Amino acid sequence: MIAELVTFRFPPGCSRAQAQQSALSVVPAWQANPDLIRKHFLWGGDGSGAGLYFWPSREAAQAAHTPEWIARKEAESGSRVEIQYFDVMLTLDNRAGTVDAYEGPASA
């Protein structure tokens, strides 16, 4: 499994409530992506934001975040989008009481 961290800045003056409404507006599109395992919408409180995505592979992540998607997000926010990829080794879920280990790397 791959974790993808997409960081950006919200437009100046954007409130948490506005950011949350914007996030809610794109939920159906992300729900329709069959490769997406989970997504967390993150608010930094200082104008920063991030999306933390979990994918089966780096290729799936890159298929969702195309150069066109990145350009659109940068135009919306007026800031640079940065993307980092991580190989997920373990997932601890206290609510479910589970620890899952993953063979790696998920992709080269």
PDB file of N, CA and C in Angstrom:
ATOM      1  N   MET A   1       0.846  -1.169   0.000  1.00  0.00           N
ATOM      2  CA  MET A   1       0.000   0.000   0.000  1.00  0.00           C
ATOM      3  C   MET A   1       0.893   1.234   0.000  1.00  0.00           C
ATOM      4  N   ILE A   2       0.413   2.280  -0.677  1.00  0.00           N
ATOM      5  CA  ILE A   2       1.130   3.540  -0.782  1.00  0.00           C
ATOM      6  C   ILE A   2       0.336   4.634  -0.077  1.00  0.00           C
ATOM      7  N   ALA A   3       1.032   5.454   0.699  1.00  0.00           N
ATOM      8  CA  ALA A   3       0.446   6.682   1.235  1.00  0.00           C
ATOM      9  C   ALA A   3       0.984   7.821   0.380  1.00  0.00           C
ATOM     10  N   GLU A   4       0.090   8.704  -0.011  1.00  0.00           N
ATOM     11  CA  GLU A   4       0.462   9.859  -0.820  1.00  0.00           C
ATOM     12  C   GLU A   4       0.054  11.103  -0.039  1.00  0.00           C
ATOM     13  N   LEU A   5       1.001  11.986   0.197  1.00  0.00           N
ATOM     14  CA  LEU A   5       0.730  13.223   0.901  1.00  0.00           C
ATOM     15  C   LEU A   5       0.802  14.367  -0.105  1.00  0.00           C
ATOM     16  N   VAL A   6      -0.329  15.034  -0.300  1.00  0.00           N
ATOM     17  CA  VAL A   6      -0.427  16.159  -1.226  1.00  0.00           C
ATOM     18  C   VAL A   6      -0.599  17.417  -0.381  1.00  0.00           C
ATOM     19  N   THR A   7       0.387  18.318  -0.419  1.00  0.00           N
ATOM     20  CA  THR A   7       0.324  19.536   0.385  1.00  0.00           C
ATOM     21  C   THR A   7       0.165  20.753  -0.519  1.00  0.00           C
ATOM     22  N   PHE A   8      -0.509  21.774   0.027  1.00  0.00           N
ATOM     23  CA  PHE A   8      -0.808  22.992  -0.718  1.00  0.00           C
ATOM     24  C   PHE A   8      -1.186  24.082   0.279  1.00  0.00           C
ATOM     25  N   ARG A   9      -1.483  25.263  -0.217  1.00  0.00           N
ATOM     26  CA  ARG A   9      -1.990  26.359   0.603  1.00  0.00           C
ATOM     27  C   ARG A   9      -3.401  26.674   0.133  1.00  0.00           C
ATOM     28  N   PHE A  10      -4.266  26.987   1.080  1.00  0.00           N
ATOM     29  CA  PHE A  10      -5.605  27.438   0.728  1.00  0.00           C
ATOM     30  C   PHE A  10      -5.518  28.882   0.237  1.00  0.00           C
ATOM     31  N   PRO A  11      -6.499  29.324  -0.556  1.00  0.00           N
ATOM     32  CA  PRO A  11      -6.488  30.733  -0.972  1.00  0.00           C
ATOM     33  C   PRO A  11      -6.499  31.648   0.253  1.00  0.00           C
ATOM     34  N   PRO A  12      -5.876  32.805   0.170  1.00  0.00           N
ATOM     35  CA  PRO A  12      -5.850  33.734   1.309  1.00  0.00           C
ATOM     36  C   PRO A  12      -7.277  34.017   1.816  1.00  0.00           C
ATOM     37  N   GLY A  13      -7.410  33.999   3.133  1.00  0.00           N
ATOM     38  CA  GLY A  13      -8.698  34.296   3.752  1.00  0.00           C
ATOM     39  C   GLY A  13      -9.653  33.118   3.837  1.00  0.00           C
ATOM     40  N   CYS A  14      -9.258  31.969   3.336  1.00  0.00           N
ATOM     41  CA  CYS A  14     -10.121  30.782   3.374  1.00  0.00           C
ATOM     42  C   CYS A  14     -10.255  30.299   4.821  1.00  0.00           C
ATOM     43  N   SER A  15     -11.480  30.128   5.263  1.00  0.00           N
ATOM     44  CA  SER A  15     -11.719  29.633   6.622  1.00  0.00           C
ATOM     45  C   SER A  15     -11.783  28.111   6.627  1.00  0.00           C
ATOM     46  N   ARG A  16     -11.717  27.539   7.807  1.00  0.00           N
ATOM     47  CA  ARG A  16     -11.842  26.086   7.930  1.00  0.00           C
ATOM     48  C   ARG A  16     -13.193  25.627   7.400  1.00  0.00           C
ATOM     49  N   ALA A  17     -14.251  26.367   7.704  1.00  0.00           N
ATOM     50  CA  ALA A  17     -15.591  26.003   7.224  1.00  0.00           C
ATOM     51  C   ALA A  17     -15.648  26.027   5.699  1.00  0.00           C
ATOM     52  N   GLN A  18     -15.024  27.025   5.071  1.00  0.00           N
ATOM     53  CA  GLN A  18     -14.991  27.086   3.611  1.00  0.00           C
ATOM     54  C   GLN A  18     -14.179  25.929   3.032  1.00  0.00           C
ATOM     55  N   ALA A  19     -13.064  25.623   3.668  1.00  0.00           N
ATOM     56  CA  ALA A  19     -12.233  24.514   3.203  1.00  0.00           C
ATOM     57  C   ALA A  19     -12.996  23.194   3.318  1.00  0.00           C
ATOM     58  N   GLN A  20     -13.742  23.033   4.415  1.00  0.00           N
ATOM     59  CA  GLN A  20     -14.506  21.805   4.603  1.00  0.00           C
ATOM     60  C   GLN A  20     -15.615  21.688   3.554  1.00  0.00           C
ATOM     61  N   GLN A  21     -16.281  22.789   3.239  1.00  0.00           N
ATOM     62  CA  GLN A  21     -17.316  22.762   2.208  1.00  0.00           C
ATOM     63  C   GLN A  21     -16.716  22.405   0.848  1.00  0.00           C
ATOM     64  N   SER A  22     -15.549  22.955   0.566  1.00  0.00           N
ATOM     65  CA  SER A  22     -14.861  22.630  -0.682  1.00  0.00           C
ATOM     66  C   SER A  22     -14.510  21.144  -0.733  1.00  0.00           C
ATOM     67  N   ALA A  23     -14.031  20.617   0.394  1.00  0.00           N
ATOM     68  CA  ALA A  23     -13.690  19.191   0.465  1.00  0.00           C
ATOM     69  C   ALA A  23     -14.930  18.333   0.247  1.00  0.00           C
ATOM     70  N   LEU A  24     -16.023  18.719   0.881  1.00  0.00           N
ATOM     71  CA  LEU A  24     -17.267  17.955   0.710  1.00  0.00           C
ATOM     72  C   LEU A  24     -17.732  17.947  -0.743  1.00  0.00           C
ATOM     73  N   SER A  25     -17.451  19.017  -1.463  1.00  0.00           N
ATOM     74  CA  SER A  25     -17.904  19.096  -2.857  1.00  0.00           C
ATOM     75  C   SER A  25     -17.186  18.111  -3.773  1.00  0.00           C
ATOM     76  N   VAL A  26     -15.986  17.664  -3.392  1.00  0.00           N
ATOM     77  CA  VAL A  26     -15.241  16.723  -4.236  1.00  0.00           C
ATOM     78  C   VAL A  26     -15.335  15.280  -3.746  1.00  0.00           C
ATOM     79  N   VAL A  27     -16.010  15.065  -2.619  1.00  0.00           N
ATOM     80  CA  VAL A  27     -16.146  13.707  -2.085  1.00  0.00           C
ATOM     81  C   VAL A  27     -16.735  12.739  -3.112  1.00  0.00           C
ATOM     82  N   PRO A  28     -17.811  13.087  -3.822  1.00  0.00           N
ATOM     83  CA  PRO A  28     -18.358  12.114  -4.785  1.00  0.00           C
ATOM     84  C   PRO A  28     -17.357  11.676  -5.854  1.00  0.00           C
ATOM     85  N   ALA A  29     -16.531  12.592  -6.317  1.00  0.00           N
ATOM     86  CA  ALA A  29     -15.528  12.219  -7.325  1.00  0.00           C
ATOM     87  C   ALA A  29     -14.520  11.234  -6.759  1.00  0.00           C
ATOM     88  N   TRP A  30     -14.088  11.444  -5.505  1.00  0.00           N
ATOM     89  CA  TRP A  30     -13.134  10.525  -4.898  1.00  0.00           C
ATOM     90  C   TRP A  30     -13.801   9.199  -4.558  1.00  0.00           C
ATOM     91  N   GLN A  31     -15.064   9.224  -4.179  1.00  0.00           N
ATOM     92  CA  GLN A  31     -15.785   7.972  -3.911  1.00  0.00           C
ATOM     93  C   GLN A  31     -15.897   7.129  -5.181  1.00  0.00           C
ATOM     94  N   ALA A  32     -15.935   7.778  -6.324  1.00  0.00           N
ATOM     95  CA  ALA A  32     -16.074   7.065  -7.603  1.00  0.00           C
ATOM     96  C   ALA A  32     -14.764   6.451  -8.086  1.00  0.00           C
ATOM     97  N   ASN A  33     -13.640   6.784  -7.445  1.00  0.00           N
ATOM     98  CA  ASN A  33     -12.352   6.233  -7.858  1.00  0.00           C
ATOM     99  C   ASN A  33     -12.186   4.855  -7.226  1.00  0.00           C
ATOM    100  N   PRO A  34     -12.227   3.792  -8.038  1.00  0.00           N
ATOM    101  CA  PRO A  34     -12.175   2.439  -7.479  1.00  0.00           C
ATOM    102  C   PRO A  34     -10.835   2.067  -6.850  1.00  0.00           C
ATOM    103  N   ASP A  35      -9.782   2.808  -7.156  1.00  0.00           N
ATOM    104  CA  ASP A  35      -8.460   2.502  -6.600  1.00  0.00           C
ATOM    105  C   ASP A  35      -8.218   3.150  -5.240  1.00  0.00           C
ATOM    106  N   LEU A  36      -8.943   4.212  -4.931  1.00  0.00           N
ATOM    107  CA  LEU A  36      -8.703   4.928  -3.682  1.00  0.00           C
ATOM    108  C   LEU A  36      -9.183   4.105  -2.495  1.00  0.00           C
ATOM    109  N   ILE A  37      -8.290   3.853  -1.562  1.00  0.00           N
ATOM    110  CA  ILE A  37      -8.620   3.085  -0.362  1.00  0.00           C
ATOM    111  C   ILE A  37      -9.186   4.009   0.706  1.00  0.00           C
ATOM    112  N   ARG A  38      -8.525   5.140   0.928  1.00  0.00           N
ATOM    113  CA  ARG A  38      -8.951   6.081   1.973  1.00  0.00           C
ATOM    114  C   ARG A  38      -8.333   7.432   1.658  1.00  0.00           C
ATOM    115  N   LYS A  39      -9.046   8.492   2.059  1.00  0.00           N
ATOM    116  CA  LYS A  39      -8.511   9.847   1.924  1.00  0.00           C
ATOM    117  C   LYS A  39      -8.854  10.630   3.175  1.00  0.00           C
ATOM    118  N   HIS A  40      -7.870  11.377   3.670  1.00  0.00           N
ATOM    119  CA  HIS A  40      -8.077  12.301   4.785  1.00  0.00           C
ATOM    120  C   HIS A  40      -7.857  13.712   4.250  1.00  0.00           C
ATOM    121  N   PHE A  41      -8.794  14.596   4.516  1.00  0.00           N
ATOM    122  CA  PHE A  41      -8.695  16.001   4.155  1.00  0.00           C
ATOM    123  C   PHE A  41      -8.148  16.735   5.385  1.00  0.00           C
ATOM    124  N   LEU A  42      -7.021  17.435   5.245  1.00  0.00           N
ATOM    125  CA  LEU A  42      -6.332  18.006   6.399  1.00  0.00           C
ATOM    126  C   LEU A  42      -6.292  19.530   6.345  1.00  0.00           C
ATOM    127  N   TRP A  43      -6.533  20.153   7.491  1.00  0.00           N
ATOM    128  CA  TRP A  43      -6.510  21.604   7.673  1.00  0.00           C
ATOM    129  C   TRP A  43      -5.358  21.956   8.596  1.00  0.00           C
ATOM    130  N   GLY A  44      -4.451  22.821   8.144  1.00  0.00           N
ATOM    131  CA  GLY A  44      -3.289  23.164   8.949  1.00  0.00           C
ATOM    132  C   GLY A  44      -3.510  24.314   9.910  1.00  0.00           C
ATOM    133  N   GLY A  45      -4.553  25.112   9.706  1.00  0.00           N
ATOM    134  CA  GLY A  45      -4.832  26.229  10.591  1.00  0.00           C
ATOM    135  C   GLY A  45      -4.048  27.490  10.289  1.00  0.00           C
ATOM    136  N   ASP A  46      -3.021  27.381   9.474  1.00  0.00           N
ATOM    137  CA  ASP A  46      -2.188  28.525   9.114  1.00  0.00           C
ATOM    138  C   ASP A  46      -2.279  28.819   7.620  1.00  0.00           C
ATOM    139  N   GLY A  47      -3.335  28.324   6.988  1.00  0.00           N
ATOM    140  CA  GLY A  47      -3.484  28.476   5.543  1.00  0.00           C
ATOM    141  C   GLY A  47      -2.991  27.275   4.766  1.00  0.00           C
ATOM    142  N   SER A  48      -2.349  26.349   5.463  1.00  0.00           N
ATOM    143  CA  SER A  48      -1.867  25.148   4.779  1.00  0.00           C
ATOM    144  C   SER A  48      -2.941  24.069   4.807  1.00  0.00           C
ATOM    145  N   GLY A  49      -2.885  23.214   3.810  1.00  0.00           N
ATOM    146  CA  GLY A  49      -3.796  22.087   3.745  1.00  0.00           C
ATOM    147  C   GLY A  49      -3.090  20.898   3.138  1.00  0.00           C
ATOM    148  N   ALA A  50      -3.720  19.745   3.266  1.00  0.00           N
ATOM    149  CA  ALA A  50      -3.132  18.533   2.700  1.00  0.00           C
ATOM    150  C   ALA A  50      -4.218  17.498   2.480  1.00  0.00           C
ATOM    151  N   GLY A  51      -3.933  16.604   1.591  1.00  0.00           N
ATOM    152  CA  GLY A  51      -4.732  15.405   1.414  1.00  0.00           C
ATOM    153  C   GLY A  51      -3.818  14.228   1.676  1.00  0.00           C
ATOM    154  N   LEU A  52      -4.259  13.319   2.516  1.00  0.00           N
ATOM    155  CA  LEU A  52      -3.503  12.100   2.776  1.00  0.00           C
ATOM    156  C   LEU A  52      -4.309  10.957   2.181  1.00  0.00           C
ATOM    157  N   TYR A  53      -3.754  10.342   1.155  1.00  0.00           N
ATOM    158  CA  TYR A  53      -4.432   9.302   0.382  1.00  0.00           C
ATOM    159  C   TYR A  53      -3.756   7.966   0.610  1.00  0.00           C
ATOM    160  N   PHE A  54      -4.544   6.895   0.547  1.00  0.00           N
ATOM    161  CA  PHE A  54      -4.007   5.539   0.589  1.00  0.00           C
ATOM    162  C   PHE A  54      -4.437   4.825  -0.679  1.00  0.00           C
ATOM    163  N   TRP A  55      -3.448   4.284  -1.388  1.00  0.00           N
ATOM    164  CA  TRP A  55      -3.639   3.665  -2.694  1.00  0.00           C
ATOM    165  C   TRP A  55      -3.002   2.276  -2.698  1.00  0.00           C
ATOM    166  N   PRO A  56      -3.436   1.403  -3.603  1.00  0.00           N
ATOM    167  CA  PRO A  56      -2.782   0.103  -3.709  1.00  0.00           C
ATOM    168  C   PRO A  56      -1.389   0.191  -4.327  1.00  0.00           C
ATOM    169  N   SER A  57      -1.129   1.270  -5.103  1.00  0.00           N
ATOM    170  CA  SER A  57       0.171   1.419  -5.756  1.00  0.00           C
ATOM    171  C   SER A  57       0.440   2.882  -6.075  1.00  0.00           C
ATOM    172  N   ARG A  58       1.698   3.173  -6.319  1.00  0.00           N
ATOM    173  CA  ARG A  58       2.083   4.533  -6.732  1.00  0.00           C
ATOM    174  C   ARG A  58       1.459   4.869  -8.083  1.00  0.00           C
ATOM    175  N   GLU A  59       1.348   3.880  -8.945  1.00  0.00           N
ATOM    176  CA  GLU A  59       0.751   4.110 -10.259  1.00  0.00           C
ATOM    177  C   GLU A  59      -0.701   4.568 -10.138  1.00  0.00           C
ATOM    178  N   ALA A  60      -1.435   3.986  -9.194  1.00  0.00           N
ATOM    179  CA  ALA A  60      -2.822   4.403  -8.974  1.00  0.00           C
ATOM    180  C   ALA A  60      -2.875   5.846  -8.493  1.00  0.00           C
ATOM    181  N   ALA A  61      -1.960   6.211  -7.614  1.00  0.00           N
ATOM    182  CA  ALA A  61      -1.899   7.590  -7.119  1.00  0.00           C
ATOM    183  C   ALA A  61      -1.595   8.558  -8.249  1.00  0.00           C
ATOM    184  N   GLN A  62      -0.628   8.206  -9.065  1.00  0.00           N
ATOM    185  CA  GLN A  62      -0.236   9.095 -10.158  1.00  0.00           C
ATOM    186  C   GLN A  62      -1.318   9.186 -11.229  1.00  0.00           C
ATOM    187  N   ALA A  63      -2.100   8.132 -11.399  1.00  0.00           N
ATOM    188  CA  ALA A  63      -3.206   8.179 -12.356  1.00  0.00           C
ATOM    189  C   ALA A  63      -4.288   9.150 -11.895  1.00  0.00           C
ATOM    190  N   ALA A  64      -4.451   9.302 -10.590  1.00  0.00           N
ATOM    191  CA  ALA A  64      -5.455  10.220 -10.052  1.00  0.00           C
ATOM    192  C   ALA A  64      -4.954  11.662 -10.036  1.00  0.00           C
ATOM    193  N   HIS A  65      -3.671  11.846  -9.780  1.00  0.00           N
ATOM    194  CA  HIS A  65      -3.102  13.190  -9.679  1.00  0.00           C
ATOM    195  C   HIS A  65      -2.228  13.459 -10.893  1.00  0.00           C
ATOM    196  N   THR A  66      -2.904  13.659 -11.989  1.00  0.00           N
ATOM    197  CA  THR A  66      -2.248  13.918 -13.270  1.00  0.00           C
ATOM    198  C   THR A  66      -1.673  15.334 -13.292  1.00  0.00           C
ATOM    199  N   PRO A  67      -0.821  15.636 -14.258  1.00  0.00           N
ATOM    200  CA  PRO A  67      -0.338  17.017 -14.384  1.00  0.00           C
ATOM    201  C   PRO A  67      -1.500  18.022 -14.528  1.00  0.00           C
ATOM    202  N   GLU A  68      -2.575  17.616 -15.185  1.00  0.00           N
ATOM    203  CA  GLU A  68      -3.743  18.496 -15.335  1.00  0.00           C
ATOM    204  C   GLU A  68      -4.409  18.755 -13.984  1.00  0.00           C
ATOM    205  N   TRP A  69      -4.529  17.708 -13.148  1.00  0.00           N
ATOM    206  CA  TRP A  69      -5.121  17.873 -11.821  1.00  0.00           C
ATOM    207  C   TRP A  69      -4.263  18.815 -10.992  1.00  0.00           C
ATOM    208  N   ILE A  70      -2.947  18.617 -11.046  1.00  0.00           N
ATOM    209  CA  ILE A  70      -2.030  19.463 -10.283  1.00  0.00           C
ATOM    210  C   ILE A  70      -2.146  20.918 -10.736  1.00  0.00           C
ATOM    211  N   ALA A  71      -2.177  21.160 -12.048  1.00  0.00           N
ATOM    212  CA  ALA A  71      -2.299  22.527 -12.571  1.00  0.00           C
ATOM    213  C   ALA A  71      -3.606  23.167 -12.119  1.00  0.00           C
ATOM    214  N   ARG A  72      -4.693  22.410 -12.132  1.00  0.00           N
ATOM    215  CA  ARG A  72      -5.994  22.931 -11.692  1.00  0.00           C
ATOM    216  C   ARG A  72      -5.959  23.284 -10.208  1.00  0.00           C
ATOM    217  N   LYS A  73      -5.390  22.418  -9.387  1.00  0.00           N
ATOM    218  CA  LYS A  73      -5.298  22.670  -7.951  1.00  0.00           C
ATOM    219  C   LYS A  73      -4.418  23.889  -7.670  1.00  0.00           C
ATOM    220  N   GLU A  74      -3.329  24.017  -8.406  1.00  0.00           N
ATOM    221  CA  GLU A  74      -2.452  25.173  -8.214  1.00  0.00           C
ATOM    222  C   GLU A  74      -3.155  26.466  -8.632  1.00  0.00           C
ATOM    223  N   ALA A  75      -3.946  26.422  -9.688  1.00  0.00           N
ATOM    224  CA  ALA A  75      -4.695  27.603 -10.120  1.00  0.00           C
ATOM    225  C   ALA A  75      -5.752  27.980  -9.087  1.00  0.00           C
ATOM    226  N   GLU A  76      -6.414  26.983  -8.505  1.00  0.00           N
ATOM    227  CA  GLU A  76      -7.441  27.237  -7.487  1.00  0.00           C
ATOM    228  C   GLU A  76      -6.851  27.844  -6.228  1.00  0.00           C
ATOM    229  N   SER A  77      -5.701  27.335  -5.808  1.00  0.00           N
ATOM    230  CA  SER A  77      -5.126  27.749  -4.528  1.00  0.00           C
ATOM    231  C   SER A  77      -4.150  28.907  -4.658  1.00  0.00           C
ATOM    232  N   GLY A  78      -3.631  29.117  -5.861  1.00  0.00           N
ATOM    233  CA  GLY A  78      -2.620  30.146  -6.041  1.00  0.00           C
ATOM    234  C   GLY A  78      -1.285  29.769  -5.432  1.00  0.00           C
ATOM    235  N   SER A  79      -1.086  28.482  -5.196  1.00  0.00           N
ATOM    236  CA  SER A  79       0.177  28.028  -4.595  1.00  0.00           C
ATOM    237  C   SER A  79       0.615  26.713  -5.221  1.00  0.00           C
ATOM    238  N   ARG A  80       1.846  26.384  -4.945  1.00  0.00           N
ATOM    239  CA  ARG A  80       2.436  25.150  -5.479  1.00  0.00           C
ATOM    240  C   ARG A  80       1.884  23.932  -4.734  1.00  0.00           C
ATOM    241  N   VAL A  81       1.624  22.883  -5.479  1.00  0.00           N
ATOM    242  CA  VAL A  81       1.223  21.595  -4.910  1.00  0.00           C
ATOM    243  C   VAL A  81       2.471  20.721  -4.833  1.00  0.00           C
ATOM    244  N   GLU A  82       2.674  20.099  -3.688  1.00  0.00           N
ATOM    245  CA  GLU A  82       3.798  19.177  -3.533  1.00  0.00           C
ATOM    246  C   GLU A  82       3.261  17.801  -3.185  1.00  0.00           C
ATOM    247  N   ILE A  83       3.859  16.780  -3.770  1.00  0.00           N
ATOM    248  CA  ILE A  83       3.398  15.408  -3.567  1.00  0.00           C
ATOM    249  C   ILE A  83       4.567  14.546  -3.110  1.00  0.00           C
ATOM    250  N   GLN A  84       4.322  13.786  -2.037  1.00  0.00           N
ATOM    251  CA  GLN A  84       5.295  12.813  -1.537  1.00  0.00           C
ATOM    252  C   GLN A  84       4.614  11.453  -1.474  1.00  0.00           C
ATOM    253  N   TYR A  85       5.396  10.407  -1.703  1.00  0.00           N
ATOM    254  CA  TYR A  85       4.899   9.033  -1.649  1.00  0.00           C
ATOM    255  C   TYR A  85       5.643   8.268  -0.565  1.00  0.00           C
ATOM    256  N   PHE A  86       4.911   7.402   0.115  1.00  0.00           N
ATOM    257  CA  PHE A  86       5.494   6.578   1.166  1.00  0.00           C
ATOM    258  C   PHE A  86       4.978   5.156   1.028  1.00  0.00           C
ATOM    259  N   ASP A  87       5.847   4.198   1.242  1.00  0.00           N
ATOM    260  CA  ASP A  87       5.442   2.803   1.297  1.00  0.00           C
ATOM    261  C   ASP A  87       4.888   2.538   2.698  1.00  0.00           C
ATOM    262  N   VAL A  88       3.670   2.066   2.798  1.00  0.00           N
ATOM    263  CA  VAL A  88       3.055   1.805   4.104  1.00  0.00           C
ATOM    264  C   VAL A  88       3.554   0.452   4.606  1.00  0.00           C
ATOM    265  N   MET A  89       4.194   0.463   5.780  1.00  0.00           N
ATOM    266  CA  MET A  89       4.723  -0.766   6.373  1.00  0.00           C
ATOM    267  C   MET A  89       3.710  -1.417   7.296  1.00  0.00           C
ATOM    268  N   LEU A  90       3.089  -0.601   8.152  1.00  0.00           N
ATOM    269  CA  LEU A  90       2.136  -1.085   9.153  1.00  0.00           C
ATOM    270  C   LEU A  90       0.970  -0.118   9.264  1.00  0.00           C
ATOM    271  N   THR A  91      -0.194  -0.644   9.577  1.00  0.00           N
ATOM    272  CA  THR A  91      -1.347   0.180   9.929  1.00  0.00           C
ATOM    273  C   THR A  91      -1.862  -0.291  11.276  1.00  0.00           C
ATOM    274  N   LEU A  92      -1.902   0.623  12.229  1.00  0.00           N
ATOM    275  CA  LEU A  92      -2.465   0.367  13.551  1.00  0.00           C
ATOM    276  C   LEU A  92      -3.848   1.012  13.572  1.00  0.00           C
ATOM    277  N   ASP A  93      -4.864   0.246  13.863  1.00  0.00           N
ATOM    278  CA  ASP A  93      -6.230   0.767  13.963  1.00  0.00           C
ATOM    279  C   ASP A  93      -6.752   0.448  15.356  1.00  0.00           C
ATOM    280  N   ASN A  94      -6.689   1.437  16.245  1.00  0.00           N
ATOM    281  CA  ASN A  94      -7.132   1.217  17.619  1.00  0.00           C
ATOM    282  C   ASN A  94      -8.624   0.947  17.717  1.00  0.00           C
ATOM    283  N   ARG A  95      -9.415   1.577  16.862  1.00  0.00           N
ATOM    284  CA  ARG A  95     -10.864   1.340  16.907  1.00  0.00           C
ATOM    285  C   ARG A  95     -11.203  -0.106  16.563  1.00  0.00           C
ATOM    286  N   ALA A  96     -10.546  -0.631  15.544  1.00  0.00           N
ATOM    287  CA  ALA A  96     -10.793  -2.017  15.147  1.00  0.00           C
ATOM    288  C   ALA A  96      -9.976  -3.002  15.967  1.00  0.00           C
ATOM    289  N   GLY A  97      -8.957  -2.507  16.677  1.00  0.00           N
ATOM    290  CA  GLY A  97      -8.091  -3.377  17.454  1.00  0.00           C
ATOM    291  C   GLY A  97      -7.187  -4.228  16.591  1.00  0.00           C
ATOM    292  N   THR A  98      -6.732  -3.649  15.459  1.00  0.00           N
ATOM    293  CA  THR A  98      -5.923  -4.421  14.525  1.00  0.00           C
ATOM    294  C   THR A  98      -4.586  -3.744  14.238  1.00  0.00           C
ATOM    295  N   VAL A  99      -3.633  -4.571  13.846  1.00  0.00           N
ATOM    296  CA  VAL A  99      -2.369  -4.112  13.288  1.00  0.00           C
ATOM    297  C   VAL A  99      -2.159  -4.927  12.027  1.00  0.00           C
ATOM    298  N   ASP A 100      -2.034  -4.234  10.896  1.00  0.00           N
ATOM    299  CA  ASP A 100      -1.823  -4.896   9.608  1.00  0.00           C
ATOM    300  C   ASP A 100      -0.434  -4.563   9.097  1.00  0.00           C
ATOM    301  N   ALA A 101       0.306  -5.581   8.695  1.00  0.00           N
ATOM    302  CA  ALA A 101       1.622  -5.412   8.097  1.00  0.00           C
ATOM    303  C   ALA A 101       1.498  -5.634   6.602  1.00  0.00           C
ATOM    304  N   TYR A 102       2.277  -4.888   5.836  1.00  0.00           N
ATOM    305  CA  TYR A 102       2.225  -4.963   4.377  1.00  0.00           C
ATOM    306  C   TYR A 102       3.596  -5.341   3.846  1.00  0.00           C
ATOM    307  N   GLU A 103       3.605  -6.224   2.878  1.00  0.00           N
ATOM    308  CA  GLU A 103       4.832  -6.534   2.169  1.00  0.00           C
ATOM    309  C   GLU A 103       5.190  -5.318   1.331  1.00  0.00           C
ATOM    310  N   GLY A 104       6.432  -5.128   1.079  1.00  0.00           N
ATOM    311  CA  GLY A 104       6.767  -3.934   0.315  1.00  0.00           C
ATOM    312  C   GLY A 104       7.975  -4.160  -0.537  1.00  0.00           C
ATOM    313  N   PRO A 105       8.276  -3.215  -1.349  1.00  0.00           N
ATOM    314  CA  PRO A 105       7.462  -2.046  -1.625  1.00  0.00           C
ATOM    315  C   PRO A 105       6.288  -2.394  -2.544  1.00  0.00           C
ATOM    316  N   ALA A 106       5.236  -1.579  -2.470  1.00  0.00           N
ATOM    317  CA  ALA A 106       4.054  -1.797  -3.292  1.00  0.00           C
ATOM    318  C   ALA A 106       4.340  -1.538  -4.761  1.00  0.00           C
ATOM    319  N   SER A 107       5.269  -0.661  -5.038  1.00  0.00           N
ATOM    320  CA  SER A 107       5.688  -0.392  -6.425  1.00  0.00           C
ATOM    321  C   SER A 107       7.078   0.201  -6.402  1.00  0.00           C
ATOM    322  N   ALA A 108       7.720   0.145  -7.530  1.00  0.00           N
ATOM    323  CA  ALA A 108       9.108   0.657  -7.618  1.00  0.00           C
ATOM    324  C   ALA A 108       9.123   2.155  -7.731  1.00  0.00           C
TER     325      ALA A 108
END
